[in-house]
Protein backbone atom coordinates (compact mmCIF):
# COMPACT_ATOMS: atom_id res chain seq x y z
CA MET A 1 13.13 96.16 -11.57
CA LYS A 2 16.22 94.22 -12.60
CA LYS A 3 17.86 94.69 -9.21
CA LEU A 4 14.70 93.60 -7.42
CA LEU A 5 14.27 90.57 -9.63
CA SER A 6 17.90 89.62 -9.18
CA ILE A 7 17.61 89.71 -5.41
CA LEU A 8 14.30 87.85 -5.37
CA LEU A 9 15.45 85.17 -7.77
CA CYS A 10 18.70 84.79 -5.88
CA LEU A 11 16.70 84.39 -2.67
CA ALA A 12 14.71 81.63 -4.35
CA LEU A 13 17.91 79.82 -5.29
CA ILE A 14 19.33 80.40 -1.84
CA CYS A 15 16.26 78.80 -0.40
CA CYS A 16 16.57 75.83 -2.74
CA SER A 17 20.16 75.35 -1.64
CA ALA A 18 20.09 75.44 2.11
CA PHE A 19 23.37 73.56 2.34
CA THR A 20 25.23 76.58 1.02
CA GLN A 21 23.38 79.66 2.13
CA VAL A 22 21.53 79.23 5.36
CA ALA A 23 23.21 80.84 8.39
CA CYS A 24 23.57 78.83 11.79
CA ASP A 25 23.91 78.42 15.51
CA ASP A 26 23.10 75.89 18.17
CA GLU A 27 23.05 76.72 21.86
CA ASP A 28 23.58 73.09 22.86
CA ASP A 29 26.62 72.59 20.61
CA ASN A 30 27.95 69.20 21.75
CA SER A 31 26.73 69.23 25.35
CA ASP A 32 24.09 66.56 24.68
CA GLY A 33 25.71 64.99 21.64
CA LYS A 34 27.18 61.50 21.63
CA GLY A 35 29.86 60.84 19.06
CA VAL A 36 29.14 58.11 16.54
CA ALA A 37 31.19 56.90 13.58
CA THR A 38 28.54 55.83 11.07
CA LEU A 39 24.79 55.52 10.55
CA ASN A 40 23.65 52.37 8.74
CA GLY A 41 27.22 51.97 7.51
CA LYS A 42 27.42 55.51 6.08
CA THR A 43 29.98 58.10 7.16
CA PRO A 44 29.02 61.75 7.74
CA GLN A 45 30.36 62.63 4.29
CA ASP A 46 28.31 59.81 2.74
CA LEU A 47 25.12 61.09 4.37
CA TYR A 48 25.82 64.69 3.39
CA SER A 49 26.54 63.75 -0.23
CA ALA A 50 23.41 61.60 -0.44
CA ALA A 51 21.23 64.36 1.02
CA LEU A 52 22.73 66.96 -1.31
CA ALA A 53 22.10 64.72 -4.32
CA LYS A 54 18.50 64.24 -3.21
CA VAL A 55 17.93 67.98 -2.82
CA LYS A 56 19.43 68.62 -6.26
CA GLY A 57 17.01 66.17 -7.80
CA LEU A 58 13.87 67.71 -6.29
CA THR A 59 11.56 69.55 -8.69
CA ASN A 60 8.47 69.91 -6.49
CA TYR A 61 8.76 70.89 -2.83
CA GLU A 62 8.71 73.77 -0.38
CA MET A 63 11.30 75.05 2.04
CA THR A 64 10.88 77.31 5.03
CA THR A 65 13.83 79.17 6.52
CA THR A 66 13.47 81.05 9.80
CA GLN A 67 16.22 83.51 10.64
CA VAL A 68 17.20 85.69 13.55
CA ILE A 69 19.52 88.41 12.26
CA THR A 70 21.30 90.75 14.66
CA MET A 71 22.64 93.98 13.14
CA SER A 72 25.02 96.38 14.91
CA ALA A 73 26.18 99.82 13.82
CA GLN A 74 27.15 103.09 15.56
CA GLY A 75 26.65 101.61 19.01
CA GLN A 76 23.11 100.40 18.31
CA THR A 77 21.93 96.82 17.95
CA VAL A 78 18.74 95.70 16.21
CA THR A 79 17.35 92.18 15.96
CA MET A 80 15.16 91.11 13.05
CA ASN A 81 13.12 87.92 12.87
CA GLN A 82 12.64 86.82 9.28
CA VAL A 83 10.83 83.99 7.50
CA LEU A 84 11.62 82.98 3.92
CA LEU A 85 9.18 80.56 2.28
CA SER A 86 10.01 79.09 -1.11
CA LYS A 87 7.84 76.80 -3.22
CA ILE A 88 9.11 75.09 -6.36
CA ASN A 89 7.12 73.28 -9.03
CA GLY A 90 9.34 72.71 -12.04
CA GLN A 91 10.04 76.12 -13.59
CA ASP A 92 7.29 77.79 -11.57
CA ASN A 93 8.22 79.18 -8.18
CA TYR A 94 6.92 81.29 -5.33
CA VAL A 95 8.94 83.15 -2.70
CA LYS A 96 7.65 85.06 0.33
CA LEU A 97 9.95 87.13 2.51
CA ALA A 98 8.51 88.55 5.73
CA ASN A 99 10.08 90.10 8.80
CA ASP A 100 9.07 92.03 11.90
CA MET A 101 10.87 95.32 11.14
CA GLU A 102 8.54 98.15 10.14
CA SER A 103 11.18 99.82 7.97
CA SER A 104 11.99 96.66 6.00
CA VAL A 105 10.35 95.45 2.81
CA ASN A 106 8.14 92.38 2.95
CA MET A 107 7.64 90.86 -0.46
CA GLU A 108 6.14 88.05 -2.48
CA THR A 109 7.18 86.95 -5.94
CA TRP A 110 5.80 84.37 -8.36
CA TYR A 111 7.09 83.01 -11.64
CA VAL A 112 4.19 81.33 -13.41
CA GLY A 113 3.56 80.84 -17.12
CA GLU A 114 6.38 83.13 -18.27
CA TRP A 115 5.24 85.98 -16.03
CA VAL A 116 7.01 87.35 -12.95
CA TYR A 117 4.72 88.93 -10.34
CA VAL A 118 6.14 91.00 -7.49
CA ILE A 119 4.22 92.40 -4.52
CA THR A 120 6.00 94.64 -2.01
CA ASN A 121 4.77 97.00 0.69
CA THR A 122 4.19 99.72 -1.91
CA ALA A 123 3.91 98.13 -5.37
CA ARG A 124 2.30 95.38 -7.44
CA ASN A 125 4.26 94.77 -10.66
CA LYS A 126 4.40 92.06 -13.29
CA ALA A 127 6.60 91.41 -16.32
CA ASN A 128 6.54 88.92 -19.17
CA ILE A 129 9.78 86.94 -19.53
CA THR A 130 10.64 83.48 -20.80
CA TYR A 131 12.30 81.05 -18.43
CA ALA A 132 15.43 80.94 -20.59
CA GLU A 133 15.65 84.74 -20.55
CA MET A 134 15.09 84.87 -16.81
CA VAL A 135 17.89 82.37 -16.20
CA ASP A 136 20.22 84.27 -18.53
CA LYS A 137 19.55 87.74 -17.11
CA TYR A 138 18.65 87.34 -13.48
CA MET A 139 19.94 84.08 -12.04
CA PRO A 140 23.45 84.14 -10.54
CA ASP A 141 25.99 82.60 -12.89
CA GLY A 142 23.33 82.23 -15.57
CA ALA A 143 22.14 78.72 -16.26
CA THR A 144 24.73 77.24 -13.86
CA GLY A 145 23.64 79.39 -10.93
CA GLU A 146 21.66 76.76 -9.08
CA SER A 147 24.40 74.20 -9.51
CA ALA A 148 27.02 76.64 -8.23
CA LEU A 149 24.96 77.58 -5.20
CA MET A 150 24.49 73.94 -4.25
CA ASN A 151 28.11 72.86 -4.41
CA ILE A 152 30.45 73.84 -1.62
CA PRO A 153 33.42 71.46 -2.03
CA GLU A 154 33.69 68.91 0.76
CA ALA A 155 37.41 69.70 0.80
CA TRP A 156 36.45 72.97 2.50
CA PHE A 157 34.89 71.16 5.48
CA LYS A 158 36.78 71.39 8.77
CA ASP A 159 36.24 69.72 12.15
CA VAL A 160 33.66 67.27 10.78
CA ARG A 161 31.84 65.44 13.58
CA PHE A 162 28.97 62.98 13.60
CA GLN A 163 26.82 63.14 16.74
CA GLN A 164 23.74 61.45 18.11
CA GLU A 165 21.20 63.58 19.99
CA GLY A 166 18.37 61.47 21.40
CA GLU A 167 16.83 59.68 18.41
CA LYS A 168 18.32 62.16 15.94
CA TYR A 169 21.74 62.37 14.34
CA TYR A 170 23.59 65.36 13.01
CA ILE A 171 26.70 66.23 11.07
CA GLN A 172 28.53 69.29 12.36
CA PHE A 173 31.29 71.00 10.43
CA ILE A 174 32.86 74.37 9.66
CA VAL A 175 33.53 76.02 6.31
CA SER A 176 36.35 78.57 6.13
CA GLY A 177 35.05 82.13 6.03
CA GLU A 178 37.69 83.06 3.47
CA GLU A 179 36.71 80.22 1.16
CA TYR A 180 33.01 80.94 1.70
CA THR A 181 33.56 84.57 0.74
CA THR A 182 35.34 83.47 -2.43
CA PHE A 183 32.42 81.20 -3.21
CA MET A 184 29.88 83.95 -2.58
CA LYS A 185 31.63 86.31 -5.00
CA SER A 186 30.14 84.17 -7.77
CA THR A 187 26.57 84.97 -6.70
CA ALA A 188 24.33 88.00 -7.09
CA LEU A 189 24.64 88.88 -3.39
CA GLY A 190 28.36 88.22 -3.06
CA ASP A 191 29.57 91.77 -3.64
CA LYS A 192 27.72 92.93 -0.51
CA LEU A 193 29.30 90.43 1.89
CA GLN A 194 32.48 91.34 3.76
CA GLY A 195 34.34 90.02 6.77
CA VAL A 196 32.70 86.59 6.69
CA GLU A 197 33.91 84.47 9.59
CA ASP A 198 33.97 80.68 9.59
CA VAL A 199 30.53 79.26 8.79
CA SER A 200 29.21 76.58 11.13
CA TYR A 201 26.80 73.94 9.85
CA LYS A 202 24.60 71.41 11.60
CA VAL A 203 22.67 69.01 9.35
CA TYR A 204 20.20 66.66 11.06
CA PHE A 205 19.13 63.15 10.01
CA ASP A 206 16.75 60.58 11.41
CA ALA A 207 17.73 56.96 12.11
CA GLN A 208 17.01 56.04 8.48
CA GLY A 209 19.33 58.76 7.20
CA GLU A 210 16.55 61.04 5.93
CA LEU A 211 17.32 64.75 5.98
CA GLY A 212 15.94 66.84 8.86
CA ASP A 213 16.61 70.41 10.00
CA ILE A 214 19.52 72.36 8.60
CA ILE A 215 20.88 74.78 11.20
CA THR A 216 23.69 77.21 10.44
CA GLU A 217 25.34 80.41 11.64
CA PHE A 218 27.89 83.00 10.57
CA ASP A 219 28.95 86.56 11.26
CA TYR A 220 29.51 88.98 8.40
CA THR A 221 29.38 92.63 7.37
CA VAL A 222 27.04 94.18 4.79
CA GLU A 223 27.64 97.79 3.74
CA GLY A 224 29.36 98.59 7.02
CA ILE A 225 26.77 96.91 9.26
CA ALA A 226 27.97 94.02 11.43
CA CYS A 227 25.52 91.11 11.21
CA SER A 228 25.07 87.75 12.89
CA ALA A 229 22.54 85.31 11.43
CA VAL A 230 21.02 82.20 12.99
CA SER A 231 18.79 80.11 10.74
CA THR A 232 16.86 76.88 10.56
CA SER A 233 15.60 75.40 7.29
CA LYS A 234 13.12 72.60 6.65
CA ILE A 235 12.14 70.88 3.39
CA ALA A 236 8.54 69.67 3.24
CA ASN A 237 5.58 68.81 1.00
CA ILE A 238 7.75 67.01 -1.55
CA GLY A 239 5.67 66.31 -4.66
CA GLY A 240 2.64 68.17 -3.30
CA VAL A 241 3.27 71.76 -4.40
CA SER A 242 1.09 73.61 -6.91
CA ILE A 243 1.63 77.28 -7.78
CA GLU A 244 -0.94 79.62 -9.30
CA ALA A 245 -0.54 83.20 -10.48
CA PRO A 246 -1.82 85.80 -8.00
CA GLN A 247 -5.14 87.53 -8.60
CA GLY A 248 -5.81 91.28 -8.77
CA ASN A 249 -4.40 94.23 -10.67
CA PHE A 250 -0.66 94.51 -11.42
CA ASN A 251 1.33 97.18 -13.22
CA ASP A 252 2.81 95.69 -16.39
CA VAL A 253 6.47 96.80 -16.41
CA THR A 254 7.64 94.49 -19.20
CA ASN A 255 8.56 97.41 -21.48
CA PHE A 256 10.65 99.01 -18.73
CA MET A 257 12.85 95.99 -18.14
CA PRO A 258 16.40 96.26 -19.51
């Protein structure tokens, strides 16, 4: 149960912090992009910092991340399409992970009113836990986990470019794979990542500087399997999210939690 909760809660934080975790690619790259220096007097770094500060301050919103993950091992290649939906309302949260692989686990998890509910393909469990205890036991880096996940130093950015694409603008930059791996070692999933190559980011804005799609990509290895992930994240429904505990019977596993 602890391992499952750790992964689920880490996924929730990952979702809340798309700037640091979402993987990325763009087929167009710069073919249609037109280089620009500023938007409304703000540099790319100014826009990124402002957007990051805004995301940090959100307490009620939802984020959807769609991923295409290609996995290769022993001469075979498999592609998985995955959707991660996260809803946040203060301390309450909801995460749904679904993919199109029959052998993979689809799951939903809620944290509502000091109860964690988890539904997988084969189980329906719940456990009573205070928010402070949940942060202490299951969130990466304890109470500072969310802050750590949302802060990749701008000093790590390379090849920063500001482009215009039609009526949209985007910041494109690369984060060193070595530095990203060091950063990930501080999270609950970090010990599984190996061979991370440079991480490419593309962060979109409209003409007013409001945050749009976040598109990222990187190649990595997990337990000997070579992976390539392409993801797009969107933040929506700011201030309009309500979360209720799921209905139905659940196995109470509170007494079995370490």
